[in-house]
N, C-alpha and C. Protein backbone atom coordinates (compact mmCIF):
# COMPACT_ATOMS: atom_id res chain seq x y z
N MET A 1 -3.40 -15.58 -23.83
CA MET A 1 -3.01 -14.88 -22.63
C MET A 1 -3.70 -15.55 -21.45
N SER A 2 -2.98 -15.78 -20.36
CA SER A 2 -3.55 -16.45 -19.20
C SER A 2 -4.51 -15.53 -18.46
N LYS A 3 -5.39 -16.13 -17.66
CA LYS A 3 -6.36 -15.32 -16.91
C LYS A 3 -5.69 -14.36 -15.94
N PRO A 4 -4.66 -14.81 -15.16
CA PRO A 4 -4.02 -13.84 -14.27
C PRO A 4 -3.38 -12.69 -15.03
N ARG A 5 -2.79 -12.99 -16.20
CA ARG A 5 -2.18 -11.92 -16.98
C ARG A 5 -3.24 -10.97 -17.52
N SER A 6 -4.38 -11.52 -17.96
CA SER A 6 -5.49 -10.67 -18.43
C SER A 6 -5.97 -9.76 -17.33
N ALA A 7 -6.10 -10.31 -16.12
CA ALA A 7 -6.55 -9.51 -14.98
C ALA A 7 -5.54 -8.41 -14.66
N PHE A 8 -4.25 -8.77 -14.71
CA PHE A 8 -3.21 -7.79 -14.46
C PHE A 8 -3.26 -6.66 -15.48
N LEU A 9 -3.37 -7.03 -16.76
CA LEU A 9 -3.42 -6.01 -17.80
C LEU A 9 -4.66 -5.13 -17.67
N ALA A 10 -5.77 -5.74 -17.29
CA ALA A 10 -6.99 -4.96 -17.08
C ALA A 10 -6.79 -3.95 -15.96
N GLY A 11 -6.18 -4.39 -14.88
CA GLY A 11 -5.90 -3.48 -13.77
C GLY A 11 -4.93 -2.38 -14.15
N LEU A 12 -3.92 -2.74 -14.92
CA LEU A 12 -2.95 -1.77 -15.37
C LEU A 12 -3.60 -0.68 -16.23
N LEU A 13 -4.46 -1.10 -17.17
CA LEU A 13 -5.15 -0.14 -18.02
C LEU A 13 -6.04 0.78 -17.19
N ALA A 14 -6.73 0.22 -16.22
CA ALA A 14 -7.59 1.04 -15.38
C ALA A 14 -6.76 2.02 -14.55
N GLY A 15 -5.60 1.57 -14.09
CA GLY A 15 -4.72 2.46 -13.34
C GLY A 15 -4.25 3.63 -14.18
N ILE A 16 -3.92 3.36 -15.42
CA ILE A 16 -3.50 4.43 -16.33
C ILE A 16 -4.64 5.42 -16.53
N ALA A 17 -5.86 4.89 -16.66
CA ALA A 17 -7.03 5.77 -16.82
C ALA A 17 -7.20 6.64 -15.58
N LEU A 18 -7.04 6.06 -14.40
CA LEU A 18 -7.14 6.82 -13.15
C LEU A 18 -6.13 7.95 -13.14
N LEU A 19 -4.89 7.66 -13.51
CA LEU A 19 -3.86 8.69 -13.51
C LEU A 19 -4.22 9.84 -14.43
N ALA A 20 -4.70 9.53 -15.62
CA ALA A 20 -5.06 10.58 -16.57
C ALA A 20 -6.20 11.44 -16.05
N LEU A 21 -7.21 10.80 -15.47
CA LEU A 21 -8.37 11.55 -14.97
C LEU A 21 -8.00 12.45 -13.80
N VAL A 22 -7.28 11.91 -12.85
CA VAL A 22 -6.96 12.68 -11.65
C VAL A 22 -5.93 13.76 -11.95
N GLN A 23 -5.00 13.49 -12.86
CA GLN A 23 -4.01 14.50 -13.21
C GLN A 23 -4.70 15.74 -13.75
N ALA A 24 -5.71 15.56 -14.55
CA ALA A 24 -6.43 16.70 -15.10
C ALA A 24 -7.12 17.48 -14.00
N TRP A 25 -7.60 16.81 -12.97
CA TRP A 25 -8.32 17.47 -11.88
C TRP A 25 -7.38 18.10 -10.87
N ALA A 26 -6.24 17.45 -10.61
CA ALA A 26 -5.38 17.85 -9.50
C ALA A 26 -4.76 19.23 -9.70
N GLY A 27 -4.21 19.47 -10.87
CA GLY A 27 -3.57 20.76 -11.12
C GLY A 27 -2.46 21.02 -10.12
N ASP A 28 -2.11 22.25 -9.92
CA ASP A 28 -1.07 22.62 -8.97
C ASP A 28 -1.69 23.52 -7.92
N ALA A 29 -2.17 22.90 -6.84
CA ALA A 29 -2.83 23.66 -5.78
C ALA A 29 -1.82 24.27 -4.83
N GLY A 30 -0.55 23.85 -4.89
CA GLY A 30 0.48 24.39 -4.02
C GLY A 30 0.32 23.93 -2.58
N GLY A 31 1.41 23.94 -1.84
CA GLY A 31 1.38 23.54 -0.45
C GLY A 31 1.35 22.03 -0.29
N ALA A 32 1.55 21.62 0.94
CA ALA A 32 1.54 20.18 1.23
C ALA A 32 0.11 19.67 1.24
N PRO A 33 -0.12 18.56 0.57
CA PRO A 33 -1.48 18.02 0.53
C PRO A 33 -1.84 17.37 1.86
N PRO A 34 -3.11 17.34 2.18
CA PRO A 34 -3.51 16.63 3.39
C PRO A 34 -3.35 15.12 3.19
N ALA A 35 -3.24 14.41 4.30
CA ALA A 35 -3.16 12.94 4.23
C ALA A 35 -4.54 12.39 3.85
N LEU A 36 -4.55 11.18 3.33
CA LEU A 36 -5.83 10.53 3.05
C LEU A 36 -6.60 10.35 4.36
N ARG A 37 -7.83 10.77 4.39
CA ARG A 37 -8.67 10.61 5.58
C ARG A 37 -9.28 9.22 5.62
N HIS A 38 -9.46 8.64 4.45
CA HIS A 38 -10.04 7.30 4.31
C HIS A 38 -9.12 6.52 3.38
N PRO A 39 -8.61 5.37 3.80
CA PRO A 39 -7.68 4.63 2.95
C PRO A 39 -8.33 4.14 1.66
N LEU A 40 -7.53 4.05 0.63
CA LEU A 40 -8.02 3.55 -0.65
C LEU A 40 -8.23 2.04 -0.57
N GLN A 41 -9.29 1.61 -1.20
CA GLN A 41 -9.58 0.19 -1.36
C GLN A 41 -9.49 -0.07 -2.86
N VAL A 42 -8.56 -0.91 -3.27
CA VAL A 42 -8.41 -1.26 -4.68
C VAL A 42 -8.71 -2.74 -4.79
N ARG A 43 -9.78 -3.06 -5.50
CA ARG A 43 -10.22 -4.45 -5.60
C ARG A 43 -10.49 -4.82 -7.05
N LEU A 44 -10.13 -6.04 -7.38
CA LEU A 44 -10.45 -6.61 -8.68
C LEU A 44 -11.36 -7.81 -8.42
N HIS A 45 -12.58 -7.70 -8.90
CA HIS A 45 -13.58 -8.75 -8.73
C HIS A 45 -13.61 -9.61 -9.99
N ARG A 46 -13.95 -10.88 -9.81
CA ARG A 46 -14.15 -11.79 -10.94
C ARG A 46 -15.49 -12.47 -10.73
N VAL A 47 -16.31 -12.45 -11.77
CA VAL A 47 -17.63 -13.08 -11.68
C VAL A 47 -17.99 -13.62 -13.06
N GLU A 48 -18.74 -14.69 -13.06
CA GLU A 48 -19.15 -15.28 -14.34
C GLU A 48 -20.51 -14.73 -14.77
N ILE A 49 -20.65 -14.61 -16.07
CA ILE A 49 -21.91 -14.21 -16.69
C ILE A 49 -22.72 -15.48 -16.91
N ARG A 50 -24.01 -15.42 -16.66
CA ARG A 50 -24.87 -16.59 -16.86
C ARG A 50 -24.70 -17.13 -18.28
N ASP A 51 -24.87 -18.44 -18.43
CA ASP A 51 -24.70 -19.08 -19.74
C ASP A 51 -25.55 -18.43 -20.81
N ASP A 52 -26.77 -18.02 -20.45
CA ASP A 52 -27.68 -17.39 -21.42
C ASP A 52 -27.69 -15.87 -21.27
N GLY A 53 -26.65 -15.30 -20.62
CA GLY A 53 -26.70 -13.89 -20.26
C GLY A 53 -25.93 -12.93 -21.14
N LEU A 54 -25.29 -13.40 -22.22
CA LEU A 54 -24.48 -12.47 -23.01
C LEU A 54 -25.31 -11.39 -23.69
N GLY A 55 -26.52 -11.72 -24.12
CA GLY A 55 -27.39 -10.71 -24.72
C GLY A 55 -27.78 -9.64 -23.72
N ARG A 56 -28.15 -10.06 -22.51
CA ARG A 56 -28.50 -9.09 -21.46
C ARG A 56 -27.27 -8.31 -21.02
N TYR A 57 -26.09 -8.97 -21.03
CA TYR A 57 -24.86 -8.25 -20.71
C TYR A 57 -24.64 -7.12 -21.72
N ALA A 58 -24.86 -7.40 -23.00
CA ALA A 58 -24.72 -6.37 -24.03
C ALA A 58 -25.71 -5.23 -23.79
N ASP A 59 -26.94 -5.58 -23.38
CA ASP A 59 -27.94 -4.56 -23.04
C ASP A 59 -27.45 -3.69 -21.88
N TRP A 60 -26.88 -4.35 -20.87
CA TRP A 60 -26.36 -3.67 -19.68
C TRP A 60 -25.28 -2.67 -20.08
N GLN A 61 -24.36 -3.09 -20.93
CA GLN A 61 -23.29 -2.20 -21.34
C GLN A 61 -23.84 -1.02 -22.16
N ARG A 62 -24.82 -1.28 -23.02
CA ARG A 62 -25.45 -0.18 -23.77
C ARG A 62 -26.12 0.80 -22.79
N PHE A 63 -26.78 0.27 -21.78
CA PHE A 63 -27.41 1.11 -20.76
C PHE A 63 -26.36 2.00 -20.09
N LEU A 64 -25.25 1.40 -19.64
CA LEU A 64 -24.21 2.17 -18.96
C LEU A 64 -23.59 3.23 -19.87
N HIS A 65 -23.41 2.90 -21.14
CA HIS A 65 -22.87 3.90 -22.08
C HIS A 65 -23.88 5.02 -22.32
N ALA A 66 -25.14 4.67 -22.47
CA ALA A 66 -26.18 5.68 -22.71
C ALA A 66 -26.38 6.58 -21.50
N ARG A 67 -26.21 6.02 -20.31
CA ARG A 67 -26.42 6.78 -19.06
C ARG A 67 -25.09 7.12 -18.39
N HIS A 68 -24.05 7.25 -19.19
CA HIS A 68 -22.70 7.46 -18.66
C HIS A 68 -22.64 8.61 -17.66
N ASP A 69 -23.16 9.78 -18.03
CA ASP A 69 -23.09 10.93 -17.14
C ASP A 69 -23.84 10.67 -15.83
N ASP A 70 -24.99 10.02 -15.91
CA ASP A 70 -25.76 9.70 -14.70
C ASP A 70 -24.98 8.72 -13.82
N ALA A 71 -24.36 7.72 -14.45
CA ALA A 71 -23.59 6.73 -13.70
C ALA A 71 -22.37 7.38 -13.03
N VAL A 72 -21.68 8.24 -13.76
CA VAL A 72 -20.53 8.94 -13.19
C VAL A 72 -20.97 9.82 -12.01
N ALA A 73 -22.13 10.40 -12.11
CA ALA A 73 -22.63 11.27 -11.04
C ALA A 73 -22.85 10.50 -9.73
N THR A 74 -23.02 9.19 -9.80
CA THR A 74 -23.23 8.40 -8.57
C THR A 74 -21.91 8.09 -7.87
N LEU A 75 -20.78 8.25 -8.55
CA LEU A 75 -19.50 7.84 -7.98
C LEU A 75 -19.13 8.62 -6.73
N ALA A 76 -19.41 9.91 -6.68
CA ALA A 76 -19.04 10.71 -5.50
C ALA A 76 -19.74 10.19 -4.24
N ARG A 77 -21.02 9.87 -4.35
CA ARG A 77 -21.77 9.35 -3.20
C ARG A 77 -21.18 8.03 -2.71
N GLU A 78 -20.66 7.24 -3.66
CA GLU A 78 -20.09 5.94 -3.34
C GLU A 78 -18.61 6.04 -2.93
N HIS A 79 -18.03 7.26 -3.04
CA HIS A 79 -16.60 7.46 -2.81
C HIS A 79 -15.79 6.54 -3.73
N MET A 80 -16.30 6.38 -4.93
CA MET A 80 -15.68 5.54 -5.95
C MET A 80 -14.88 6.46 -6.86
N TYR A 81 -13.58 6.22 -6.95
CA TYR A 81 -12.72 7.06 -7.77
C TYR A 81 -12.60 6.51 -9.19
N VAL A 82 -12.58 5.20 -9.33
CA VAL A 82 -12.53 4.55 -10.64
C VAL A 82 -13.35 3.27 -10.55
N GLU A 83 -14.14 3.04 -11.55
CA GLU A 83 -14.88 1.78 -11.67
C GLU A 83 -14.76 1.37 -13.14
N ALA A 84 -14.33 0.16 -13.38
CA ALA A 84 -14.13 -0.30 -14.75
C ALA A 84 -14.46 -1.79 -14.85
N MET A 85 -15.01 -2.19 -15.99
CA MET A 85 -15.35 -3.59 -16.25
C MET A 85 -14.53 -4.06 -17.43
N PHE A 86 -14.09 -5.33 -17.36
CA PHE A 86 -13.26 -5.91 -18.41
C PHE A 86 -13.72 -7.32 -18.72
N ARG A 87 -13.60 -7.67 -20.00
CA ARG A 87 -13.87 -9.04 -20.45
C ARG A 87 -12.89 -9.40 -21.54
N ASP A 88 -12.70 -10.69 -21.75
CA ASP A 88 -11.93 -11.18 -22.88
C ASP A 88 -12.90 -11.98 -23.75
N PRO A 89 -13.66 -11.29 -24.63
CA PRO A 89 -14.73 -11.95 -25.37
C PRO A 89 -14.26 -13.09 -26.27
N ALA A 90 -13.03 -13.04 -26.74
CA ALA A 90 -12.54 -14.09 -27.63
C ALA A 90 -12.18 -15.36 -26.87
N ARG A 91 -11.58 -15.23 -25.70
CA ARG A 91 -11.09 -16.40 -24.98
C ARG A 91 -11.97 -16.84 -23.82
N ASP A 92 -12.62 -15.91 -23.18
CA ASP A 92 -13.39 -16.24 -21.98
C ASP A 92 -14.60 -15.31 -21.88
N PRO A 93 -15.57 -15.45 -22.81
CA PRO A 93 -16.65 -14.47 -22.93
C PRO A 93 -17.58 -14.41 -21.71
N HIS A 94 -17.60 -15.44 -20.90
CA HIS A 94 -18.52 -15.48 -19.76
C HIS A 94 -17.88 -15.06 -18.45
N VAL A 95 -16.70 -14.45 -18.51
CA VAL A 95 -16.05 -13.99 -17.29
C VAL A 95 -15.92 -12.47 -17.35
N LEU A 96 -16.33 -11.82 -16.27
CA LEU A 96 -16.27 -10.37 -16.14
C LEU A 96 -15.33 -10.03 -14.99
N TYR A 97 -14.45 -9.08 -15.24
CA TYR A 97 -13.60 -8.53 -14.19
C TYR A 97 -14.08 -7.11 -13.93
N TRP A 98 -14.18 -6.77 -12.67
CA TRP A 98 -14.65 -5.45 -12.28
C TRP A 98 -13.63 -4.85 -11.33
N LEU A 99 -13.07 -3.71 -11.71
CA LEU A 99 -12.08 -3.01 -10.90
C LEU A 99 -12.75 -1.86 -10.19
N GLU A 100 -12.48 -1.73 -8.90
CA GLU A 100 -12.97 -0.57 -8.16
C GLU A 100 -11.82 0.03 -7.36
N VAL A 101 -11.74 1.35 -7.41
CA VAL A 101 -10.82 2.12 -6.59
C VAL A 101 -11.70 3.11 -5.84
N ARG A 102 -11.76 2.93 -4.52
CA ARG A 102 -12.68 3.72 -3.70
C ARG A 102 -12.09 3.89 -2.32
N ASP A 103 -12.77 4.65 -1.48
CA ASP A 103 -12.38 4.64 -0.08
C ASP A 103 -13.48 3.93 0.71
N ASP A 104 -13.24 3.75 1.98
CA ASP A 104 -14.13 2.93 2.80
C ASP A 104 -15.30 3.69 3.41
N ALA A 105 -15.47 4.96 3.05
CA ALA A 105 -16.51 5.77 3.69
C ALA A 105 -17.75 5.98 2.83
N GLY A 106 -17.78 5.40 1.64
CA GLY A 106 -18.88 5.66 0.72
C GLY A 106 -20.05 4.72 0.87
N ALA A 107 -21.15 5.12 0.26
CA ALA A 107 -22.35 4.29 0.21
C ALA A 107 -22.19 3.28 -0.92
N HIS A 108 -23.07 2.31 -0.97
CA HIS A 108 -23.05 1.33 -2.05
C HIS A 108 -24.26 1.53 -2.95
N SER A 109 -24.13 1.12 -4.19
CA SER A 109 -25.21 1.34 -5.16
C SER A 109 -26.49 0.64 -4.75
N ASN A 110 -26.38 -0.47 -4.03
CA ASN A 110 -27.61 -1.17 -3.63
C ASN A 110 -28.35 -0.44 -2.52
N ASP A 111 -27.75 0.61 -1.94
CA ASP A 111 -28.41 1.44 -0.93
C ASP A 111 -29.02 2.71 -1.54
N SER A 112 -28.93 2.84 -2.85
CA SER A 112 -29.32 4.07 -3.52
C SER A 112 -30.78 4.03 -3.96
N GLY A 113 -31.39 5.17 -3.96
CA GLY A 113 -32.73 5.30 -4.51
C GLY A 113 -32.72 5.85 -5.94
N LEU A 114 -31.55 6.09 -6.49
CA LEU A 114 -31.44 6.64 -7.84
C LEU A 114 -31.82 5.59 -8.87
N ASP A 115 -32.55 6.00 -9.90
CA ASP A 115 -33.00 5.04 -10.90
C ASP A 115 -31.84 4.40 -11.65
N VAL A 116 -30.75 5.14 -11.90
CA VAL A 116 -29.61 4.55 -12.61
C VAL A 116 -28.98 3.44 -11.77
N ASP A 117 -28.91 3.61 -10.45
CA ASP A 117 -28.37 2.57 -9.58
C ASP A 117 -29.31 1.38 -9.49
N ARG A 118 -30.61 1.63 -9.39
CA ARG A 118 -31.58 0.52 -9.32
C ARG A 118 -31.54 -0.32 -10.60
N GLU A 119 -31.43 0.35 -11.75
CA GLU A 119 -31.35 -0.37 -13.02
C GLU A 119 -30.03 -1.15 -13.11
N HIS A 120 -28.95 -0.55 -12.68
CA HIS A 120 -27.65 -1.22 -12.67
C HIS A 120 -27.71 -2.48 -11.80
N GLU A 121 -28.29 -2.37 -10.63
CA GLU A 121 -28.42 -3.53 -9.73
C GLU A 121 -29.31 -4.61 -10.37
N ARG A 122 -30.35 -4.20 -11.06
CA ARG A 122 -31.23 -5.17 -11.72
C ARG A 122 -30.46 -5.95 -12.79
N TYR A 123 -29.69 -5.24 -13.60
CA TYR A 123 -28.87 -5.92 -14.61
C TYR A 123 -27.90 -6.90 -13.93
N MET A 124 -27.28 -6.47 -12.84
CA MET A 124 -26.35 -7.35 -12.15
C MET A 124 -27.03 -8.65 -11.73
N ARG A 125 -28.23 -8.54 -11.16
CA ARG A 125 -28.96 -9.74 -10.73
C ARG A 125 -29.33 -10.64 -11.91
N GLU A 126 -29.70 -10.04 -13.03
CA GLU A 126 -30.12 -10.81 -14.20
C GLU A 126 -28.96 -11.44 -14.96
N VAL A 127 -27.80 -10.80 -14.96
CA VAL A 127 -26.70 -11.20 -15.83
C VAL A 127 -25.64 -12.04 -15.12
N LEU A 128 -25.35 -11.73 -13.89
CA LEU A 128 -24.21 -12.34 -13.21
C LEU A 128 -24.60 -13.54 -12.36
N ARG A 129 -23.71 -14.49 -12.28
CA ARG A 129 -23.87 -15.66 -11.42
C ARG A 129 -23.22 -15.33 -10.08
N GLY A 130 -24.03 -14.93 -9.12
CA GLY A 130 -23.52 -14.52 -7.82
C GLY A 130 -22.71 -15.59 -7.11
N ASP A 131 -22.99 -16.86 -7.40
CA ASP A 131 -22.26 -17.95 -6.73
C ASP A 131 -20.82 -18.07 -7.24
N THR A 132 -20.45 -17.31 -8.25
CA THR A 132 -19.09 -17.38 -8.80
C THR A 132 -18.28 -16.14 -8.45
N TRP A 133 -18.84 -15.23 -7.67
CA TRP A 133 -18.19 -13.95 -7.38
C TRP A 133 -16.99 -14.18 -6.48
N SER A 134 -15.86 -13.59 -6.84
CA SER A 134 -14.68 -13.62 -5.98
C SER A 134 -13.95 -12.30 -6.10
N VAL A 135 -13.18 -11.99 -5.08
CA VAL A 135 -12.33 -10.81 -5.08
C VAL A 135 -10.90 -11.32 -5.10
N LEU A 136 -10.16 -10.91 -6.12
CA LEU A 136 -8.78 -11.34 -6.23
C LEU A 136 -7.96 -10.69 -5.14
N ALA A 137 -6.92 -11.37 -4.70
CA ALA A 137 -6.05 -10.84 -3.65
C ALA A 137 -5.30 -9.63 -4.19
N THR A 138 -5.35 -8.55 -3.45
CA THR A 138 -4.60 -7.35 -3.81
C THR A 138 -3.19 -7.54 -3.26
N GLU A 139 -2.23 -7.66 -4.15
CA GLU A 139 -0.85 -7.93 -3.75
C GLU A 139 -0.06 -6.64 -3.54
N ASN A 140 -0.35 -5.63 -4.34
CA ASN A 140 0.42 -4.41 -4.26
C ASN A 140 -0.36 -3.31 -4.97
N VAL A 141 -0.33 -2.13 -4.40
CA VAL A 141 -0.97 -0.97 -5.02
C VAL A 141 0.04 0.16 -5.02
N LEU A 142 0.30 0.70 -6.17
CA LEU A 142 1.17 1.86 -6.31
C LEU A 142 0.31 3.02 -6.78
N VAL A 143 0.40 4.12 -6.06
CA VAL A 143 -0.38 5.31 -6.40
C VAL A 143 0.59 6.47 -6.56
N ALA A 144 0.54 7.10 -7.71
CA ALA A 144 1.40 8.25 -7.95
C ALA A 144 1.06 9.35 -6.94
N PRO A 145 2.06 10.07 -6.46
CA PRO A 145 1.79 11.11 -5.46
C PRO A 145 0.73 12.12 -5.88
N PHE A 146 0.73 12.54 -7.14
CA PHE A 146 -0.26 13.55 -7.55
C PHE A 146 -1.67 12.98 -7.51
N VAL A 147 -1.82 11.66 -7.70
CA VAL A 147 -3.14 11.03 -7.60
C VAL A 147 -3.57 11.01 -6.14
N GLN A 148 -2.68 10.57 -5.27
CA GLN A 148 -3.00 10.56 -3.84
C GLN A 148 -3.30 11.97 -3.34
N ASP A 149 -2.55 12.95 -3.79
CA ASP A 149 -2.78 14.34 -3.40
C ASP A 149 -4.18 14.79 -3.81
N ALA A 150 -4.57 14.49 -5.04
CA ALA A 150 -5.89 14.90 -5.52
C ALA A 150 -7.00 14.23 -4.72
N ILE A 151 -6.84 12.95 -4.45
CA ILE A 151 -7.86 12.23 -3.67
C ILE A 151 -7.92 12.77 -2.25
N ALA A 152 -6.77 13.03 -1.64
CA ALA A 152 -6.74 13.57 -0.28
C ALA A 152 -7.43 14.94 -0.21
N ARG A 153 -7.18 15.78 -1.19
CA ARG A 153 -7.83 17.11 -1.20
C ARG A 153 -9.34 16.96 -1.38
N TRP A 154 -9.76 16.05 -2.24
CA TRP A 154 -11.18 15.83 -2.45
C TRP A 154 -11.83 15.30 -1.17
N GLN A 155 -11.17 14.34 -0.51
CA GLN A 155 -11.71 13.81 0.75
C GLN A 155 -11.83 14.93 1.79
N ALA A 156 -10.81 15.78 1.89
CA ALA A 156 -10.84 16.88 2.86
C ALA A 156 -11.98 17.85 2.55
N GLN A 157 -12.15 18.21 1.28
CA GLN A 157 -13.24 19.12 0.90
C GLN A 157 -14.60 18.49 1.21
N ARG A 158 -14.75 17.23 0.87
CA ARG A 158 -16.02 16.53 1.08
C ARG A 158 -16.32 16.43 2.58
N ASP A 159 -15.33 16.04 3.37
CA ASP A 159 -15.56 15.90 4.81
C ASP A 159 -15.84 17.25 5.47
N THR A 160 -15.14 18.32 5.01
CA THR A 160 -15.38 19.65 5.54
C THR A 160 -16.80 20.12 5.20
N ALA A 161 -17.22 19.90 3.98
CA ALA A 161 -18.58 20.27 3.57
C ALA A 161 -19.62 19.49 4.36
N ARG A 162 -19.37 18.20 4.57
CA ARG A 162 -20.30 17.36 5.32
C ARG A 162 -20.39 17.82 6.78
N ALA A 163 -19.25 18.19 7.38
CA ALA A 163 -19.23 18.66 8.77
C ALA A 163 -19.99 19.99 8.89
N GLY A 164 -19.80 20.86 7.89
CA GLY A 164 -20.51 22.16 7.89
C GLY A 164 -22.00 21.98 7.76
N ALA A 165 -22.43 21.01 7.00
CA ALA A 165 -23.87 20.75 6.81
C ALA A 165 -24.48 20.16 8.07
N ALA A 166 -23.68 19.45 8.86
CA ALA A 166 -24.21 18.80 10.06
C ALA A 166 -24.38 19.80 11.20
N GLU A 167 -23.73 20.97 11.12
CA GLU A 167 -23.82 21.95 12.20
C GLU A 167 -25.09 22.74 12.17
C-alpha cells in the first residue's frame, strides 16, 4: 500500500471513530444547533521516529494506554475532538502519522503543567525526529451534520461557561 493511501486510510478510520464517539454524545437535543464558534482544524502530521527510537516509541504507547483516561481529560483544554496516531510497522516502521481534529481556540500540550502532558512532550522529544515533521495538505473535510451539531453545542456551552466565570 502506498504512503498516501496509508495516510488516507488512517484518516478515514479516525473519522469513523470521531463519528461513533460524537454520535453517542450528541443525542437528540432538538432545535436548530448553533453555528461553530471556532472553525475545525483537521490536520494529518507525518514525522519520522529516530533510528534507535522504536523501543522508546513502544514505551510511549504503553504510557498513553496506561494513562488513557488522564490523556483524554486533557483534550477539552486543548479543544481537541479527536487525536489519533498511526503507523505501518510492516512497511514503514519509522514513520508516524498523527491526526488531530480540533478548533483554533484551545491550548497546546506544551503549555500545560499537567504531568501527563509533560511526560507526553518528553516522549515526543526523545522519540521523534523534529527535522522530519510535516503537515499534509488538507484537501477536503466532510463532517456529518450530527457531528458538527455536537461540536457546536459543546463550543457554545464551553464559551458560555467561560464568559460566566469571567464576570
